[in-house]
Amino acid sequence: MSVDDPEARLRDTLDSLASTVVPSPDAYARARSEWQRRDRRRRLVMLVLAVLIVAVADLVGLWALHSFAAPDRPPGQERIDVIVQP
């Protein structure tokens, strides 16, 4: 059994594997379009998330302002005079 250099064997194996690979002519264009699609989707998700956070914060603020405001007293037994001009 001969002791070969493992780097040389690996190089030969990878060279023979690389010689059988046929590159796709539009591989870069497909990969680029996929990257752009993912980037657009990421930006859209971030925009929707930001709008949702702002909307929820507004709703919580409006609810808090409404719930902690002093309620108007309903008219009780006090007399209310209405003046009507002819």
Protein backbone atom coordinates (compact mmCIF):
# COMPACT_ATOMS: atom_id res chain seq x y z
CA MET A 1 0.00 0.00 0.00
CA SER A 2 1.49 3.30 -1.06
CA VAL A 3 1.28 6.40 1.01
CA ASP A 4 0.05 9.22 -1.21
CA ASP A 5 -0.08 12.84 -0.30
CA PRO A 6 -3.63 13.50 0.95
CA GLU A 7 -3.59 17.00 -0.54
CA ALA A 8 -2.69 15.64 -3.97
CA ARG A 9 -5.44 13.01 -3.79
CA LEU A 10 -7.94 15.63 -2.72
CA ARG A 11 -6.80 17.97 -5.51
CA ASP A 12 -7.17 15.19 -8.11
CA THR A 13 -10.60 14.26 -6.80
CA LEU A 14 -11.80 17.85 -6.84
CA ASP A 15 -10.33 18.41 -10.33
CA SER A 16 -12.15 15.38 -11.70
CA LEU A 17 -15.37 16.52 -10.02
CA ALA A 18 -14.98 20.06 -11.36
CA SER A 19 -14.45 18.79 -14.91
CA THR A 20 -17.89 17.14 -14.85
CA VAL A 21 -19.72 20.28 -13.67
CA VAL A 22 -21.53 22.26 -16.36
CA PRO A 23 -22.13 25.88 -15.33
CA SER A 24 -25.55 27.37 -15.91
CA PRO A 25 -25.38 30.49 -18.11
CA ASP A 26 -28.02 32.38 -16.14
CA ALA A 27 -27.06 31.28 -12.64
CA TYR A 28 -25.94 34.76 -11.55
CA ALA A 29 -29.10 36.40 -12.89
CA ARG A 30 -31.31 33.89 -11.08
CA ALA A 31 -29.37 34.27 -7.84
CA ARG A 32 -29.48 38.08 -8.11
CA SER A 33 -33.23 38.10 -8.73
CA GLU A 34 -33.69 35.81 -5.74
CA TRP A 35 -31.60 38.16 -3.55
CA GLN A 36 -33.60 41.16 -4.73
CA ARG A 37 -36.88 39.37 -4.08
CA ARG A 38 -35.78 38.48 -0.55
CA ASP A 39 -34.62 42.06 0.05
CA ARG A 40 -37.96 43.49 -1.15
CA ARG A 41 -39.82 41.03 1.05
CA ARG A 42 -37.66 41.88 4.07
CA ARG A 43 -38.25 45.60 3.53
CA LEU A 44 -42.00 45.08 3.12
CA VAL A 45 -42.19 43.00 6.30
CA MET A 46 -40.27 45.69 8.21
CA LEU A 47 -42.59 48.40 6.85
CA VAL A 48 -45.71 46.46 7.83
CA LEU A 49 -44.25 45.76 11.26
CA ALA A 50 -43.40 49.44 11.81
CA VAL A 51 -46.88 50.57 10.73
CA LEU A 52 -48.46 47.96 12.98
CA ILE A 53 -46.38 49.06 15.98
CA VAL A 54 -47.26 52.73 15.41
CA ALA A 55 -50.96 51.91 14.99
CA VAL A 56 -51.05 49.84 18.18
CA ALA A 57 -49.21 52.57 20.10
CA ASP A 58 -51.73 55.15 18.85
CA LEU A 59 -54.67 52.97 19.83
CA VAL A 60 -53.25 52.34 23.29
CA GLY A 61 -52.61 56.06 23.75
CA LEU A 62 -56.11 57.02 22.67
CA TRP A 63 -57.61 54.36 24.91
CA ALA A 64 -55.54 55.59 27.86
CA LEU A 65 -56.55 59.20 27.26
CA HIS A 66 -60.20 58.24 27.05
CA SER A 67 -60.26 55.88 30.02
CA PHE A 68 -58.38 58.14 32.44
CA ALA A 69 -60.24 61.34 31.53
CA ALA A 70 -62.64 62.74 34.13
CA PRO A 71 -66.12 61.64 33.15
CA ASP A 72 -68.82 64.29 32.74
CA ARG A 73 -71.26 64.35 35.60
CA PRO A 74 -74.74 63.37 34.56
CA PRO A 75 -77.35 65.97 35.44
CA GLY A 76 -78.84 65.11 38.79
CA GLN A 77 -81.50 66.95 40.73
CA GLU A 78 -80.17 70.38 39.84
CA ARG A 79 -82.33 72.69 37.79
CA ILE A 80 -81.30 73.50 34.24
CA ASP A 81 -82.70 76.71 32.79
CA VAL A 82 -83.00 76.98 29.06
CA ILE A 83 -83.29 80.44 27.60
CA VAL A 84 -84.92 80.65 24.22
CA GLN A 85 -84.97 83.92 22.34
CA PRO A 86 -88.10 84.72 20.31
